[in-house]
Each structure stands twice: as C-alpha cells, then as structure tokens.
Amino acid sequence: MDGPRRIEQQGVRGWLHLPEGLPSAALGLTHGAGGNCEAALLLAVAEAFASCGWAVLRYDLPFRQARPHGPPAGAQSRDRDGIRNTAVALRELVPGVRLYLGGHSYGGRQTTMLAAEDASVADALLLLSYPLHPPAQPEKLRTEHFPALRIPSLFVHGTRDEFGSLEEMEAALGLVPGPTGLRSIPGGHGLAAKSAAQIAELFVTFTSK
C-alpha cells in the first residue's frame, strides 16, 4: 500500500488513500468545525479502512479551503455543496464500487443534512461524534432533518461526549426512518486516533449486512 495521493480537482482538496489491489469500496471522510483533513483521527481512520481494502478520500470542506483557521460561520450550504462535489469526484476516482460518506462532528452533521436532501449521494453514512447539541445546551437539538434521513447511517459516539450522551443519541435516532446503528467507544467528543481500527471494523460490519 503506497502513501496517499494529493487530490485537487473540481473544488475538492484532500488525500486519497488506496489499498493494495482493487478497492472494494470508497469512503469520503471529512473533519469537524475546528480542524482539517490532516487531523490525526482522520488520517488513522483512512489508513485503517485502506488496510481493509477500501479507498478513502479525506478532504477539506470549502470553509477550510477558504481559510486555514476559524469556524464555518455561514458556510453550511457551501460546505454541503463541497460534500456533494467530493462524492462526484470519488465516483470518478474509484468507479464501480459502493460509495460511502462520513465525517467527524460538524462534517458528519453536514453530511447527514445533504443525505436528507438527496438520498442518492451515498450508499451509507459514517458519523463520528455527531454534535447532537452544543455542550450544556441539550434543548438545542440538531435533529430537524433526521425525519428525512433514509440512508443507512452508523453513529460512532464517545462514552463521554459533551455534545450529546449515548442516551440522548439513542432517543434522537428514533426520529430517523432509515436504518441506523449506534456504537460507543471510550472517550469524549474528540475521538482518539487509536480507535481507528475499531471504527473501521464497525463500519465494515455495518455495511456488509
């Protein structure tokens, strides 16, 4: 397995990890509001999936392409367009396999919002540390689009996530009509890179059903 390949095309910027041999699936993976595609978690997860035979494109959302630091204020619609563009590019880079999309925190939330608008964008979703609500503000749920989410979606959540407890997540997923899974791993909102192999195993199992 060679090192990742730099990708800059169609407004998409990131790194493509390819497995040894032909990929059996493709995954687009993006970051949270405070990071970028160089995050240790994304790098470790991409390598873990590549070891499983998948191609992974870890990429920067448009707000991060526009500026290296700062939050994505007002950029949500543009970021969802960026996720869609990534799906199109990934289908061209790795044709003929099932396509999955995922992200950590903000990136995962925007991915679910896009999938709720367009169920054809991916075959399934991987959501790492979904930000259910701001810390200490459980009344501000980010679930308005959940009733329109029909793509199979696996939520991998830390046991001490301040953006939503496992119990809160379980209740929220009752709003989703599509197939869902909720799996916990030790930690808070910023999942540890050492969990990458477990995350890959969980999603490979989820998508093989």
C-alpha atoms as a PDB file:
ATOM      1  CA  MET A   1       0.000   0.000   0.000  1.00  0.00           C
ATOM      2  CA  ASP A   2       1.592   3.257  -1.192  1.00  0.00           C
ATOM      3  CA  GLY A   3       1.281   6.609   0.540  1.00  0.00           C
ATOM      4  CA  PRO A   4      -1.771   8.824  -0.012  1.00  0.00           C
ATOM      5  CA  ARG A   5      -2.140  10.769  -3.259  1.00  0.00           C
ATOM      6  CA  ARG A   6      -2.838  14.507  -3.224  1.00  0.00           C
ATOM      7  CA  ILE A   7      -6.181  15.435  -4.829  1.00  0.00           C
ATOM      8  CA  GLU A   8      -7.087  18.931  -6.021  1.00  0.00           C
ATOM      9  CA  GLN A   9      -9.894  18.935  -8.594  1.00  0.00           C
ATOM     10  CA  GLN A  10     -13.494  20.108  -9.021  1.00  0.00           C
ATOM     11  CA  GLY A  11     -13.208  22.179  -5.852  1.00  0.00           C
ATOM     12  CA  VAL A  12     -12.129  19.092  -3.907  1.00  0.00           C
ATOM     13  CA  ARG A  13      -8.921  19.150  -1.861  1.00  0.00           C
ATOM     14  CA  GLY A  14      -7.571  16.249   0.132  1.00  0.00           C
ATOM     15  CA  TRP A  15      -5.686  12.974   0.141  1.00  0.00           C
ATOM     16  CA  LEU A  16      -6.680   9.701  -1.499  1.00  0.00           C
ATOM     17  CA  HIS A  17      -5.636   6.517   0.313  1.00  0.00           C
ATOM     18  CA  LEU A  18      -5.660   3.419  -1.878  1.00  0.00           C
ATOM     19  CA  PRO A  19      -5.388  -0.187  -0.702  1.00  0.00           C
ATOM     20  CA  GLU A  20      -3.234  -2.887  -2.186  1.00  0.00           C
ATOM     21  CA  GLY A  21      -5.151  -4.285  -5.131  1.00  0.00           C
ATOM     22  CA  LEU A  22      -8.518  -3.086  -6.376  1.00  0.00           C
ATOM     23  CA  PRO A  23     -10.673  -1.207  -3.828  1.00  0.00           C
ATOM     24  CA  SER A  24     -13.796  -2.999  -2.642  1.00  0.00           C
ATOM     25  CA  ALA A  25     -15.498   0.263  -1.558  1.00  0.00           C
ATOM     26  CA  ALA A  26     -14.871   4.010  -1.372  1.00  0.00           C
ATOM     27  CA  LEU A  27     -15.296   6.409   1.555  1.00  0.00           C
ATOM     28  CA  GLY A  28     -15.201  10.204   1.618  1.00  0.00           C
ATOM     29  CA  LEU A  29     -14.231  11.400   5.091  1.00  0.00           C
ATOM     30  CA  THR A  30     -14.139  14.960   6.387  1.00  0.00           C
ATOM     31  CA  HIS A  31     -13.379  16.934   9.523  1.00  0.00           C
ATOM     32  CA  GLY A  32     -15.031  18.934  12.280  1.00  0.00           C
ATOM     33  CA  ALA A  33     -15.500  22.673  12.691  1.00  0.00           C
ATOM     34  CA  GLY A  34     -12.138  23.258  14.309  1.00  0.00           C
ATOM     35  CA  GLY A  35      -9.948  21.003  12.197  1.00  0.00           C
ATOM     36  CA  ASN A  36      -8.981  19.962   8.718  1.00  0.00           C
ATOM     37  CA  CYS A  37      -8.280  16.779   6.793  1.00  0.00           C
ATOM     38  CA  GLU A  38      -4.861  16.487   8.433  1.00  0.00           C
ATOM     39  CA  ALA A  39      -6.489  15.627  11.777  1.00  0.00           C
ATOM     40  CA  ALA A  40      -4.854  12.619  13.417  1.00  0.00           C
ATOM     41  CA  LEU A  41      -8.205  10.838  13.720  1.00  0.00           C
ATOM     42  CA  LEU A  42      -8.990  11.167  10.005  1.00  0.00           C
ATOM     43  CA  LEU A  43      -5.522  10.055   8.975  1.00  0.00           C
ATOM     44  CA  ALA A  44      -5.699   6.988  11.228  1.00  0.00           C
ATOM     45  CA  VAL A  45      -9.225   6.089  10.114  1.00  0.00           C
ATOM     46  CA  ALA A  46      -8.278   6.445   6.441  1.00  0.00           C
ATOM     47  CA  GLU A  47      -5.307   4.142   6.905  1.00  0.00           C
ATOM     48  CA  ALA A  48      -7.428   1.627   8.811  1.00  0.00           C
ATOM     49  CA  PHE A  49     -10.005   1.448   6.017  1.00  0.00           C
ATOM     50  CA  ALA A  50      -7.278   1.190   3.363  1.00  0.00           C
ATOM     51  CA  SER A  51      -5.950  -1.811   5.273  1.00  0.00           C
ATOM     52  CA  CYS A  52      -9.437  -3.307   4.910  1.00  0.00           C
ATOM     53  CA  GLY A  53      -9.314  -2.901   1.126  1.00  0.00           C
ATOM     54  CA  TRP A  54     -11.191   0.399   0.841  1.00  0.00           C
ATOM     55  CA  ALA A  55     -10.234   3.618  -0.942  1.00  0.00           C
ATOM     56  CA  VAL A  56     -10.590   6.668   1.303  1.00  0.00           C
ATOM     57  CA  LEU A  57     -10.554  10.346   0.355  1.00  0.00           C
ATOM     58  CA  ARG A  58     -10.042  12.500   3.440  1.00  0.00           C
ATOM     59  CA  TYR A  59     -10.828  16.033   2.391  1.00  0.00           C
ATOM     60  CA  ASP A  60     -11.186  19.648   3.467  1.00  0.00           C
ATOM     61  CA  LEU A  61     -14.617  21.253   3.470  1.00  0.00           C
ATOM     62  CA  PRO A  62     -14.973  24.508   1.473  1.00  0.00           C
ATOM     63  CA  PHE A  63     -14.866  26.693   4.594  1.00  0.00           C
ATOM     64  CA  ARG A  64     -11.469  25.250   5.452  1.00  0.00           C
ATOM     65  CA  GLN A  65     -10.226  25.602   1.902  1.00  0.00           C
ATOM     66  CA  ALA A  66     -11.150  29.299   2.099  1.00  0.00           C
ATOM     67  CA  ARG A  67      -9.157  29.944   5.275  1.00  0.00           C
ATOM     68  CA  PRO A  68      -6.797  27.823   7.358  1.00  0.00           C
ATOM     69  CA  HIS A  69      -8.322  28.727  10.726  1.00  0.00           C
ATOM     70  CA  GLY A  70     -11.657  29.749  12.202  1.00  0.00           C
ATOM     71  CA  PRO A  71     -15.178  28.323  12.427  1.00  0.00           C
ATOM     72  CA  PRO A  72     -17.515  27.631   9.499  1.00  0.00           C
ATOM     73  CA  ALA A  73     -19.887  30.510  10.247  1.00  0.00           C
ATOM     74  CA  GLY A  74     -22.385  30.953   7.439  1.00  0.00           C
ATOM     75  CA  ALA A  75     -20.737  28.321   5.258  1.00  0.00           C
ATOM     76  CA  GLN A  76     -23.094  25.392   5.771  1.00  0.00           C
ATOM     77  CA  SER A  77     -24.768  25.433   2.344  1.00  0.00           C
ATOM     78  CA  ARG A  78     -21.429  25.796   0.577  1.00  0.00           C
ATOM     79  CA  ASP A  79     -19.949  23.005   2.687  1.00  0.00           C
ATOM     80  CA  ARG A  80     -22.783  20.667   1.690  1.00  0.00           C
ATOM     81  CA  ASP A  81     -22.065  21.505  -1.946  1.00  0.00           C
ATOM     82  CA  GLY A  82     -18.464  20.559  -1.241  1.00  0.00           C
ATOM     83  CA  ILE A  83     -19.538  17.201   0.145  1.00  0.00           C
ATOM     84  CA  ARG A  84     -21.617  16.564  -2.981  1.00  0.00           C
ATOM     85  CA  ASN A  85     -18.662  17.538  -5.194  1.00  0.00           C
ATOM     86  CA  THR A  86     -16.466  15.126  -3.259  1.00  0.00           C
ATOM     87  CA  ALA A  87     -18.928  12.294  -3.851  1.00  0.00           C
ATOM     88  CA  VAL A  88     -18.894  13.030  -7.589  1.00  0.00           C
ATOM     89  CA  ALA A  89     -15.099  13.181  -7.688  1.00  0.00           C
ATOM     90  CA  LEU A  90     -14.731   9.993  -5.668  1.00  0.00           C
ATOM     91  CA  ARG A  91     -17.057   8.102  -8.009  1.00  0.00           C
ATOM     92  CA  GLU A  92     -14.748   9.137 -10.865  1.00  0.00           C
ATOM     93  CA  LEU A  93     -11.559   8.290  -8.986  1.00  0.00           C
ATOM     94  CA  VAL A  94     -12.822   4.913  -7.763  1.00  0.00           C
ATOM     95  CA  PRO A  95     -15.557   3.782 -10.183  1.00  0.00           C
ATOM     96  CA  GLY A  96     -17.712   0.710  -9.895  1.00  0.00           C
ATOM     97  CA  VAL A  97     -17.796   0.298  -6.103  1.00  0.00           C
ATOM     98  CA  ARG A  98     -20.208   1.288  -3.347  1.00  0.00           C
ATOM     99  CA  LEU A  99     -19.672   4.849  -2.148  1.00  0.00           C
ATOM    100  CA  TYR A 100     -19.920   5.908   1.483  1.00  0.00           C
ATOM    101  CA  LEU A 101     -19.615   9.333   3.088  1.00  0.00           C
ATOM    102  CA  GLY A 102     -18.694  10.286   6.609  1.00  0.00           C
ATOM    103  CA  GLY A 103     -17.266  12.894   8.865  1.00  0.00           C
ATOM    104  CA  HIS A 104     -16.360  13.946  12.355  1.00  0.00           C
ATOM    105  CA  SER A 105     -18.686  16.289  14.287  1.00  0.00           C
ATOM    106  CA  TYR A 106     -19.606  19.272  12.051  1.00  0.00           C
ATOM    107  CA  GLY A 107     -18.511  17.396   8.935  1.00  0.00           C
ATOM    108  CA  GLY A 108     -20.739  14.484   9.835  1.00  0.00           C
ATOM    109  CA  ARG A 109     -23.675  16.759  10.583  1.00  0.00           C
ATOM    110  CA  GLN A 110     -23.403  18.459   7.200  1.00  0.00           C
ATOM    111  CA  THR A 111     -23.140  15.054   5.549  1.00  0.00           C
ATOM    112  CA  THR A 112     -26.388  13.913   7.169  1.00  0.00           C
ATOM    113  CA  MET A 113     -28.103  17.134   6.085  1.00  0.00           C
ATOM    114  CA  LEU A 114     -27.025  16.593   2.487  1.00  0.00           C
ATOM    115  CA  ALA A 115     -28.133  12.955   2.619  1.00  0.00           C
ATOM    116  CA  ALA A 116     -31.526  14.024   3.965  1.00  0.00           C
ATOM    117  CA  GLU A 117     -31.878  16.308   0.927  1.00  0.00           C
ATOM    118  CA  ASP A 118     -30.556  13.746  -1.578  1.00  0.00           C
ATOM    119  CA  ALA A 119     -30.608  10.048  -0.696  1.00  0.00           C
ATOM    120  CA  SER A 120     -28.669   9.180  -3.867  1.00  0.00           C
ATOM    121  CA  VAL A 121     -25.499  10.907  -2.682  1.00  0.00           C
ATOM    122  CA  ALA A 122     -24.122   7.789  -0.946  1.00  0.00           C
ATOM    123  CA  ASP A 123     -24.924   4.189  -0.060  1.00  0.00           C
ATOM    124  CA  ALA A 124     -24.403   4.687   3.690  1.00  0.00           C
ATOM    125  CA  LEU A 125     -23.000   7.184   6.188  1.00  0.00           C
ATOM    126  CA  LEU A 126     -20.360   7.004   8.922  1.00  0.00           C
ATOM    127  CA  LEU A 127     -20.893   9.683  11.596  1.00  0.00           C
ATOM    128  CA  LEU A 128     -18.150  10.164  14.161  1.00  0.00           C
ATOM    129  CA  SER A 129     -19.139  12.151  17.280  1.00  0.00           C
ATOM    130  CA  TYR A 130     -22.339  13.581  15.859  1.00  0.00           C
ATOM    131  CA  PRO A 131     -22.797  17.011  17.564  1.00  0.00           C
ATOM    132  CA  LEU A 132     -26.342  16.461  18.802  1.00  0.00           C
ATOM    133  CA  HIS A 133     -26.428  19.753  20.703  1.00  0.00           C
ATOM    134  CA  PRO A 134     -23.957  22.384  21.955  1.00  0.00           C
ATOM    135  CA  PRO A 135     -22.280  21.466  25.254  1.00  0.00           C
ATOM    136  CA  ALA A 136     -24.570  22.085  28.254  1.00  0.00           C
ATOM    137  CA  GLN A 137     -27.450  23.095  25.946  1.00  0.00           C
ATOM    138  CA  PRO A 138     -29.464  19.886  25.471  1.00  0.00           C
ATOM    139  CA  GLU A 139     -32.545  21.848  24.411  1.00  0.00           C
ATOM    140  CA  LYS A 140     -30.824  22.983  21.185  1.00  0.00           C
ATOM    141  CA  LEU A 141     -31.073  19.705  19.297  1.00  0.00           C
ATOM    142  CA  ARG A 142     -29.650  19.467  15.775  1.00  0.00           C
ATOM    143  CA  THR A 143     -32.181  16.948  14.536  1.00  0.00           C
ATOM    144  CA  GLU A 144     -34.528  18.934  12.277  1.00  0.00           C
ATOM    145  CA  HIS A 145     -33.501  16.883   9.234  1.00  0.00           C
ATOM    146  CA  PHE A 146     -33.498  13.473  10.930  1.00  0.00           C
ATOM    147  CA  PRO A 147     -37.055  12.556   9.780  1.00  0.00           C
ATOM    148  CA  ALA A 148     -35.845  12.844   6.162  1.00  0.00           C
ATOM    149  CA  LEU A 149     -32.693  10.733   6.626  1.00  0.00           C
ATOM    150  CA  ARG A 150     -33.251   7.402   4.879  1.00  0.00           C
ATOM    151  CA  ILE A 151     -29.690   6.338   4.039  1.00  0.00           C
ATOM    152  CA  PRO A 152     -28.260   3.641   6.366  1.00  0.00           C
ATOM    153  CA  SER A 153     -26.234   5.546   8.956  1.00  0.00           C
ATOM    154  CA  LEU A 154     -23.811   4.361  11.611  1.00  0.00           C
ATOM    155  CA  PHE A 155     -23.163   6.747  14.509  1.00  0.00           C
ATOM    156  CA  VAL A 156     -19.941   6.087  16.436  1.00  0.00           C
ATOM    157  CA  HIS A 157     -20.005   8.026  19.687  1.00  0.00           C
ATOM    158  CA  GLY A 158     -17.696   8.574  22.628  1.00  0.00           C
ATOM    159  CA  THR A 159     -18.902   7.436  26.036  1.00  0.00           C
ATOM    160  CA  ARG A 160     -18.224  10.901  27.495  1.00  0.00           C
ATOM    161  CA  ASP A 161     -19.225  13.138  24.575  1.00  0.00           C
ATOM    162  CA  GLU A 162     -20.288  16.563  25.879  1.00  0.00           C
ATOM    163  CA  PHE A 163     -22.196  17.257  22.641  1.00  0.00           C
ATOM    164  CA  GLY A 164     -24.702  14.518  23.466  1.00  0.00           C
ATOM    165  CA  SER A 165     -24.835  11.477  25.710  1.00  0.00           C
ATOM    166  CA  LEU A 166     -25.387   7.975  24.407  1.00  0.00           C
ATOM    167  CA  GLU A 167     -28.881   8.049  25.889  1.00  0.00           C
ATOM    168  CA  GLU A 168     -29.655  11.317  24.103  1.00  0.00           C
ATOM    169  CA  MET A 169     -28.293   9.931  20.847  1.00  0.00           C
ATOM    170  CA  GLU A 170     -30.381   6.774  21.144  1.00  0.00           C
ATOM    171  CA  ALA A 171     -33.531   8.850  21.655  1.00  0.00           C
ATOM    172  CA  ALA A 172     -32.691  11.144  18.732  1.00  0.00           C
ATOM    173  CA  LEU A 173     -32.131   8.247  16.333  1.00  0.00           C
ATOM    174  CA  GLY A 174     -35.740   7.260  16.906  1.00  0.00           C
ATOM    175  CA  LEU A 175     -36.566  10.177  14.586  1.00  0.00           C
ATOM    176  CA  VAL A 176     -34.647   8.627  11.686  1.00  0.00           C
ATOM    177  CA  PRO A 177     -36.742   6.434   9.343  1.00  0.00           C
ATOM    178  CA  GLY A 178     -33.726   4.832   7.677  1.00  0.00           C
ATOM    179  CA  PRO A 179     -31.588   2.034   9.146  1.00  0.00           C
ATOM    180  CA  THR A 180     -29.300   3.282  11.910  1.00  0.00           C
ATOM    181  CA  GLY A 181     -26.704   1.931  14.266  1.00  0.00           C
ATOM    182  CA  LEU A 182     -25.212   3.471  17.403  1.00  0.00           C
ATOM    183  CA  ARG A 183     -21.873   2.183  18.654  1.00  0.00           C
ATOM    184  CA  SER A 184     -19.911   3.532  21.596  1.00  0.00           C
ATOM    185  CA  ILE A 185     -16.176   3.732  22.085  1.00  0.00           C
ATOM    186  CA  PRO A 186     -14.307   5.102  25.116  1.00  0.00           C
ATOM    187  CA  GLY A 187     -13.643   8.828  25.064  1.00  0.00           C
ATOM    188  CA  GLY A 188     -15.128  12.244  24.574  1.00  0.00           C
ATOM    189  CA  HIS A 189     -16.061  14.289  21.511  1.00  0.00           C
ATOM    190  CA  GLY A 190     -12.548  14.218  20.084  1.00  0.00           C
ATOM    191  CA  LEU A 191     -12.188  10.505  19.431  1.00  0.00           C
ATOM    192  CA  ALA A 192      -8.696   9.094  19.794  1.00  0.00           C
ATOM    193  CA  ALA A 193      -6.760   8.028  16.719  1.00  0.00           C
ATOM    194  CA  LYS A 194      -6.075   4.698  18.438  1.00  0.00           C
ATOM    195  CA  SER A 195      -9.779   3.878  17.925  1.00  0.00           C
ATOM    196  CA  ALA A 196      -9.380   3.900  14.122  1.00  0.00           C
ATOM    197  CA  ALA A 197      -9.178   0.137  13.633  1.00  0.00           C
ATOM    198  CA  GLN A 198     -12.285  -0.361  15.778  1.00  0.00           C
ATOM    199  CA  ILE A 199     -14.158   2.321  13.826  1.00  0.00           C
ATOM    200  CA  ALA A 200     -13.256   0.689  10.519  1.00  0.00           C
ATOM    201  CA  GLU A 201     -14.323  -2.729  11.751  1.00  0.00           C
ATOM    202  CA  LEU A 202     -17.651  -1.375  12.999  1.00  0.00           C
ATOM    203  CA  PHE A 203     -18.497   0.299   9.696  1.00  0.00           C
ATOM    204  CA  VAL A 204     -17.350  -2.589   7.508  1.00  0.00           C
ATOM    205  CA  THR A 205     -19.623  -4.850   9.549  1.00  0.00           C
ATOM    206  CA  PHE A 206     -22.497  -2.345   9.371  1.00  0.00           C
ATOM    207  CA  THR A 207     -22.307  -2.042   5.586  1.00  0.00           C
ATOM    208  CA  SER A 208     -21.966  -5.785   4.991  1.00  0.00           C
ATOM    209  CA  LYS A 209     -25.428  -6.557   6.373  1.00  0.00           C
END
